Amino acid sequence: MGVTLTEKAESRLHTFLLGSASATSVPTKGIRISASDGGCNGYEYGMEITSSPKPDDIVMSQGNVLIYIDAKSAPLLEGMVVDFVEGVMESGFKFINPNATNTCSCGKSFSAGDCTPNGTPCK
């Protein structure tokens, strides 16, 4: 199953990828999604544009977007949906993660039961 993008998220990510493309098209350009120790709840989401997947990345594609999932993060991200929300007060990517037992108010940090590292206070 891996990670799923909503139609809005896929469109926005595809636009980012096109905007970051150099004069020569890079066929491996995509988005790497990860979870790492940090954030106020223990884990924080990471998302970056990359044209060089790491050897252990799990590779998926959805529509026009290549998705690379960090292999160590995969169990924490399994079944996650990435959405893009636009509003007057807030716009950005939203992570809907069925593995998260708790999230912080900003939605960029989460805990996942007993395996969660210690969080760092929000600033």
N, C-alpha and C. Protein backbone atom coordinates (compact mmCIF):
# COMPACT_ATOMS: atom_id res chain seq x y z
N MET A 1 0.83 -1.19 0.00
CA MET A 1 0.00 0.00 0.00
C MET A 1 0.87 1.24 0.00
N GLY A 2 1.82 1.39 0.91
CA GLY A 2 2.72 2.53 0.93
C GLY A 2 2.05 3.83 1.30
N VAL A 3 2.38 4.88 0.57
CA VAL A 3 1.88 6.23 0.79
C VAL A 3 1.01 6.61 -0.40
N THR A 4 -0.11 7.27 -0.12
CA THR A 4 -1.03 7.71 -1.16
C THR A 4 -1.08 9.23 -1.18
N LEU A 5 -1.14 9.80 -2.36
CA LEU A 5 -1.31 11.25 -2.52
C LEU A 5 -2.74 11.53 -2.94
N THR A 6 -3.35 12.55 -2.35
CA THR A 6 -4.65 12.99 -2.85
C THR A 6 -4.41 13.66 -4.20
N GLU A 7 -5.48 13.89 -4.93
CA GLU A 7 -5.36 14.54 -6.23
C GLU A 7 -4.71 15.92 -6.11
N LYS A 8 -5.10 16.67 -5.06
CA LYS A 8 -4.52 18.01 -4.84
C LYS A 8 -3.03 17.93 -4.53
N ALA A 9 -2.64 16.97 -3.68
CA ALA A 9 -1.23 16.83 -3.32
C ALA A 9 -0.41 16.41 -4.54
N GLU A 10 -0.95 15.48 -5.32
CA GLU A 10 -0.24 15.04 -6.52
C GLU A 10 -0.03 16.21 -7.49
N SER A 11 -1.07 17.01 -7.70
CA SER A 11 -0.98 18.15 -8.59
C SER A 11 0.07 19.15 -8.11
N ARG A 12 0.04 19.46 -6.81
CA ARG A 12 0.97 20.44 -6.24
C ARG A 12 2.41 19.92 -6.32
N LEU A 13 2.60 18.64 -6.00
CA LEU A 13 3.95 18.07 -6.06
C LEU A 13 4.45 18.03 -7.50
N HIS A 14 3.58 17.69 -8.44
CA HIS A 14 3.97 17.68 -9.85
C HIS A 14 4.41 19.07 -10.28
N THR A 15 3.69 20.10 -9.84
CA THR A 15 4.07 21.48 -10.15
C THR A 15 5.43 21.82 -9.57
N PHE A 16 5.68 21.41 -8.32
CA PHE A 16 6.99 21.64 -7.69
C PHE A 16 8.09 20.97 -8.51
N LEU A 17 7.85 19.73 -8.91
CA LEU A 17 8.85 18.98 -9.66
C LEU A 17 9.14 19.66 -11.00
N LEU A 18 8.10 20.12 -11.68
CA LEU A 18 8.31 20.82 -12.96
C LEU A 18 9.07 22.12 -12.74
N GLY A 19 8.74 22.84 -11.68
CA GLY A 19 9.40 24.11 -11.38
C GLY A 19 10.84 23.94 -10.97
N SER A 20 11.19 22.77 -10.45
CA SER A 20 12.57 22.55 -10.02
C SER A 20 13.39 21.85 -11.09
N ALA A 21 12.78 21.55 -12.22
CA ALA A 21 13.49 20.83 -13.28
C ALA A 21 14.53 21.73 -13.93
N SER A 22 15.65 21.12 -14.24
CA SER A 22 16.69 21.86 -14.96
C SER A 22 16.39 21.81 -16.45
N ALA A 23 17.28 22.37 -17.24
CA ALA A 23 17.07 22.39 -18.69
C ALA A 23 17.00 20.96 -19.25
N THR A 24 17.70 20.04 -18.62
CA THR A 24 17.61 18.64 -19.04
C THR A 24 16.72 17.92 -18.05
N SER A 25 15.75 17.24 -18.56
CA SER A 25 14.79 16.54 -17.71
C SER A 25 15.46 15.37 -17.00
N VAL A 26 15.21 15.25 -15.72
CA VAL A 26 15.77 14.16 -14.93
C VAL A 26 14.67 13.13 -14.71
N PRO A 27 14.79 11.93 -15.31
CA PRO A 27 13.70 10.95 -15.21
C PRO A 27 13.49 10.41 -13.80
N THR A 28 14.47 10.57 -12.92
CA THR A 28 14.33 10.04 -11.56
C THR A 28 13.90 11.10 -10.56
N LYS A 29 13.60 12.31 -11.03
CA LYS A 29 13.21 13.38 -10.10
C LYS A 29 11.89 13.03 -9.44
N GLY A 30 11.88 13.11 -8.13
CA GLY A 30 10.67 12.78 -7.39
C GLY A 30 10.71 13.38 -6.00
N ILE A 31 9.86 12.87 -5.14
CA ILE A 31 9.72 13.34 -3.77
C ILE A 31 10.15 12.22 -2.82
N ARG A 32 11.06 12.52 -1.90
CA ARG A 32 11.42 11.55 -0.86
C ARG A 32 10.66 11.92 0.40
N ILE A 33 9.95 10.95 0.95
CA ILE A 33 9.17 11.14 2.18
C ILE A 33 9.80 10.29 3.26
N SER A 34 9.96 10.86 4.45
CA SER A 34 10.58 10.14 5.55
C SER A 34 9.98 10.56 6.88
N ALA A 35 10.32 9.80 7.90
CA ALA A 35 10.01 10.16 9.28
C ALA A 35 11.32 10.02 10.05
N SER A 36 11.66 11.03 10.83
CA SER A 36 12.91 10.98 11.60
C SER A 36 12.66 11.41 13.03
N ASP A 37 13.60 11.04 13.91
CA ASP A 37 13.50 11.45 15.30
C ASP A 37 13.50 12.97 15.36
N GLY A 38 12.56 13.53 16.10
CA GLY A 38 12.50 14.98 16.24
C GLY A 38 11.07 15.45 16.39
N GLY A 39 10.90 16.72 16.43
CA GLY A 39 9.58 17.29 16.59
C GLY A 39 9.10 17.17 18.02
N CYS A 40 8.00 17.80 18.32
CA CYS A 40 7.51 17.85 19.71
C CYS A 40 6.86 16.54 20.15
N ASN A 41 6.52 15.65 19.21
CA ASN A 41 5.90 14.38 19.60
C ASN A 41 6.81 13.18 19.42
N GLY A 42 8.03 13.38 18.96
CA GLY A 42 8.97 12.26 18.84
C GLY A 42 9.44 12.00 17.43
N TYR A 43 8.55 12.01 16.47
CA TYR A 43 8.91 11.86 15.05
C TYR A 43 8.44 13.09 14.30
N GLU A 44 9.17 13.43 13.24
CA GLU A 44 8.71 14.50 12.37
C GLU A 44 8.80 14.04 10.92
N TYR A 45 7.85 14.52 10.13
CA TYR A 45 7.80 14.17 8.71
C TYR A 45 8.84 14.97 7.95
N GLY A 46 9.40 14.34 6.92
CA GLY A 46 10.30 15.03 6.02
C GLY A 46 9.84 14.80 4.59
N MET A 47 9.95 15.81 3.77
CA MET A 47 9.59 15.68 2.37
C MET A 47 10.53 16.59 1.59
N GLU A 48 11.22 16.02 0.60
CA GLU A 48 12.16 16.80 -0.18
C GLU A 48 12.14 16.36 -1.64
N ILE A 49 12.46 17.30 -2.51
CA ILE A 49 12.60 16.98 -3.93
C ILE A 49 13.99 16.38 -4.11
N THR A 50 14.06 15.31 -4.86
CA THR A 50 15.35 14.68 -5.11
C THR A 50 15.39 14.10 -6.52
N SER A 51 16.57 14.05 -7.08
CA SER A 51 16.73 13.40 -8.38
C SER A 51 17.66 12.21 -8.26
N SER A 52 18.04 11.89 -7.02
CA SER A 52 18.91 10.74 -6.82
C SER A 52 18.39 9.89 -5.66
N PRO A 53 17.57 8.89 -5.96
CA PRO A 53 17.05 8.03 -4.90
C PRO A 53 18.20 7.30 -4.20
N LYS A 54 18.02 7.08 -2.92
CA LYS A 54 19.00 6.32 -2.15
C LYS A 54 18.82 4.83 -2.48
N PRO A 55 19.89 4.06 -2.35
CA PRO A 55 19.81 2.63 -2.74
C PRO A 55 18.71 1.85 -2.03
N ASP A 56 18.39 2.19 -0.79
CA ASP A 56 17.39 1.42 -0.05
C ASP A 56 15.99 2.07 -0.07
N ASP A 57 15.81 3.15 -0.84
CA ASP A 57 14.49 3.77 -0.94
C ASP A 57 13.48 2.81 -1.56
N ILE A 58 12.26 2.87 -1.07
CA ILE A 58 11.14 2.15 -1.68
C ILE A 58 10.58 3.11 -2.73
N VAL A 59 10.48 2.64 -3.96
CA VAL A 59 10.07 3.50 -5.07
C VAL A 59 8.64 3.20 -5.47
N MET A 60 7.83 4.24 -5.55
CA MET A 60 6.44 4.15 -5.98
C MET A 60 6.20 5.28 -6.97
N SER A 61 5.11 5.21 -7.68
CA SER A 61 4.70 6.37 -8.46
C SER A 61 3.20 6.49 -8.37
N GLN A 62 2.75 7.71 -8.41
CA GLN A 62 1.33 7.98 -8.43
C GLN A 62 1.11 9.10 -9.43
N GLY A 63 0.41 8.78 -10.49
CA GLY A 63 0.21 9.75 -11.55
C GLY A 63 1.54 10.18 -12.12
N ASN A 64 1.81 11.47 -12.07
CA ASN A 64 3.05 12.04 -12.61
C ASN A 64 4.13 12.24 -11.56
N VAL A 65 3.98 11.65 -10.38
CA VAL A 65 4.91 11.89 -9.29
C VAL A 65 5.59 10.59 -8.86
N LEU A 66 6.93 10.60 -8.88
CA LEU A 66 7.69 9.50 -8.30
C LEU A 66 7.80 9.76 -6.81
N ILE A 67 7.59 8.72 -6.01
CA ILE A 67 7.66 8.83 -4.55
C ILE A 67 8.73 7.87 -4.06
N TYR A 68 9.68 8.40 -3.31
CA TYR A 68 10.72 7.59 -2.69
C TYR A 68 10.46 7.61 -1.19
N ILE A 69 10.33 6.43 -0.61
CA ILE A 69 10.09 6.33 0.83
C ILE A 69 11.34 5.75 1.48
N ASP A 70 11.86 6.48 2.43
CA ASP A 70 13.00 6.01 3.20
C ASP A 70 12.65 4.66 3.81
N ALA A 71 13.49 3.64 3.57
CA ALA A 71 13.19 2.27 4.01
C ALA A 71 13.00 2.17 5.53
N LYS A 72 13.79 2.91 6.30
CA LYS A 72 13.66 2.86 7.76
C LYS A 72 12.35 3.50 8.22
N SER A 73 11.85 4.44 7.44
CA SER A 73 10.61 5.14 7.79
C SER A 73 9.37 4.38 7.34
N ALA A 74 9.52 3.46 6.41
CA ALA A 74 8.37 2.81 5.78
C ALA A 74 7.34 2.26 6.77
N PRO A 75 7.75 1.55 7.83
CA PRO A 75 6.72 1.04 8.76
C PRO A 75 5.92 2.14 9.44
N LEU A 76 6.54 3.28 9.68
CA LEU A 76 5.84 4.41 10.31
C LEU A 76 4.92 5.14 9.35
N LEU A 77 5.16 4.98 8.05
CA LEU A 77 4.41 5.72 7.04
C LEU A 77 3.42 4.85 6.27
N GLU A 78 3.42 3.57 6.52
CA GLU A 78 2.55 2.63 5.79
C GLU A 78 1.09 3.05 5.90
N GLY A 79 0.45 3.24 4.76
CA GLY A 79 -0.96 3.60 4.73
C GLY A 79 -1.24 5.09 4.86
N MET A 80 -0.19 5.90 4.92
CA MET A 80 -0.37 7.34 5.10
C MET A 80 -0.91 7.98 3.81
N VAL A 81 -1.73 9.01 4.00
CA VAL A 81 -2.26 9.81 2.90
C VAL A 81 -1.67 11.21 3.03
N VAL A 82 -1.14 11.73 1.93
CA VAL A 82 -0.63 13.11 1.91
C VAL A 82 -1.63 13.94 1.14
N ASP A 83 -2.09 15.01 1.77
CA ASP A 83 -3.06 15.92 1.15
C ASP A 83 -2.42 17.31 1.06
N PHE A 84 -3.01 18.17 0.28
CA PHE A 84 -2.60 19.57 0.24
C PHE A 84 -3.82 20.42 0.54
N VAL A 85 -3.70 21.27 1.55
CA VAL A 85 -4.83 22.12 1.94
C VAL A 85 -4.47 23.58 1.67
N GLU A 86 -5.46 24.34 1.25
CA GLU A 86 -5.28 25.76 1.01
C GLU A 86 -6.37 26.50 1.76
N GLY A 87 -5.96 27.47 2.54
CA GLY A 87 -6.92 28.25 3.29
C GLY A 87 -6.39 29.64 3.56
N VAL A 88 -7.22 30.46 4.13
CA VAL A 88 -6.84 31.83 4.44
C VAL A 88 -5.74 31.86 5.50
N MET A 89 -5.86 31.01 6.50
CA MET A 89 -4.93 31.01 7.62
C MET A 89 -3.77 30.04 7.45
N GLU A 90 -3.95 29.00 6.64
CA GLU A 90 -2.92 27.98 6.54
C GLU A 90 -3.00 27.26 5.20
N SER A 91 -1.85 27.04 4.61
CA SER A 91 -1.75 26.25 3.39
C SER A 91 -0.54 25.35 3.51
N GLY A 92 -0.64 24.16 2.96
CA GLY A 92 0.50 23.27 2.97
C GLY A 92 0.08 21.82 2.92
N PHE A 93 1.07 20.95 3.02
CA PHE A 93 0.82 19.52 2.99
C PHE A 93 0.34 19.03 4.35
N LYS A 94 -0.62 18.15 4.32
CA LYS A 94 -1.19 17.57 5.53
C LYS A 94 -0.96 16.06 5.47
N PHE A 95 -0.50 15.50 6.56
CA PHE A 95 -0.20 14.07 6.63
C PHE A 95 -1.27 13.38 7.46
N ILE A 96 -1.94 12.41 6.87
CA ILE A 96 -2.96 11.63 7.57
C ILE A 96 -2.39 10.23 7.72
N ASN A 97 -1.89 9.96 8.93
CA ASN A 97 -1.11 8.74 9.17
C ASN A 97 -1.84 7.81 10.13
N PRO A 98 -2.26 6.63 9.66
CA PRO A 98 -2.98 5.71 10.53
C PRO A 98 -2.10 5.12 11.64
N ASN A 99 -0.78 5.26 11.52
CA ASN A 99 0.15 4.74 12.54
C ASN A 99 0.39 5.73 13.66
N ALA A 100 -0.03 6.97 13.49
CA ALA A 100 0.19 8.00 14.51
C ALA A 100 -0.79 7.81 15.66
N THR A 101 -0.25 7.69 16.86
CA THR A 101 -1.10 7.59 18.04
C THR A 101 -1.38 8.97 18.64
N ASN A 102 -0.58 9.96 18.22
CA ASN A 102 -0.77 11.33 18.67
C ASN A 102 -0.07 12.24 17.67
N THR A 103 -0.59 13.44 17.47
CA THR A 103 0.06 14.42 16.60
C THR A 103 0.09 15.76 17.31
N CYS A 104 1.02 16.60 16.90
CA CYS A 104 1.05 17.95 17.48
C CYS A 104 0.09 18.83 16.69
N SER A 105 -0.17 19.99 17.19
CA SER A 105 -1.16 20.87 16.56
C SER A 105 -0.75 21.32 15.17
N CYS A 106 0.56 21.37 14.89
CA CYS A 106 0.99 21.81 13.56
C CYS A 106 0.87 20.69 12.53
N GLY A 107 0.73 19.44 12.99
CA GLY A 107 0.56 18.31 12.07
C GLY A 107 1.83 17.81 11.44
N LYS A 108 2.97 18.34 11.82
CA LYS A 108 4.25 17.93 11.23
C LYS A 108 5.02 16.96 12.12
N SER A 109 4.49 16.68 13.31
CA SER A 109 5.15 15.82 14.27
C SER A 109 4.13 14.81 14.80
N PHE A 110 4.61 13.59 15.09
CA PHE A 110 3.68 12.56 15.57
C PHE A 110 4.40 11.56 16.47
N SER A 111 3.61 10.84 17.21
CA SER A 111 4.13 9.71 17.98
C SER A 111 3.47 8.45 17.45
N ALA A 112 4.14 7.33 17.71
CA ALA A 112 3.64 6.04 17.21
C ALA A 112 3.78 4.98 18.28
N GLY A 113 3.01 5.14 19.33
CA GLY A 113 2.99 4.15 20.40
C GLY A 113 4.29 4.05 21.16
N ASP A 114 4.62 2.83 21.58
CA ASP A 114 5.78 2.59 22.44
C ASP A 114 7.13 2.79 21.76
N CYS A 115 7.16 2.82 20.43
CA CYS A 115 8.45 2.95 19.74
C CYS A 115 8.88 4.39 19.56
N THR A 116 8.12 5.34 20.06
CA THR A 116 8.37 6.76 19.84
C THR A 116 9.54 7.27 20.69
N PRO A 117 10.51 7.98 20.07
CA PRO A 117 11.57 8.61 20.85
C PRO A 117 11.02 9.82 21.60
N ASN A 118 11.81 10.35 22.52
CA ASN A 118 11.39 11.54 23.25
C ASN A 118 11.27 12.72 22.32
N GLY A 119 10.23 13.51 22.51
CA GLY A 119 10.02 14.71 21.70
C GLY A 119 10.82 15.88 22.22
N THR A 120 10.87 16.93 21.44
CA THR A 120 11.50 18.17 21.84
C THR A 120 10.42 19.25 21.90
N PRO A 121 10.45 20.10 22.91
CA PRO A 121 9.39 21.10 23.05
C PRO A 121 9.28 22.01 21.83
N CYS A 122 8.06 22.39 21.50
CA CYS A 122 7.82 23.35 20.40
C CYS A 122 8.34 24.70 20.81
N LYS A 123 8.80 25.47 19.83
CA LYS A 123 9.32 26.83 20.12
C LYS A 123 8.33 27.85 19.68
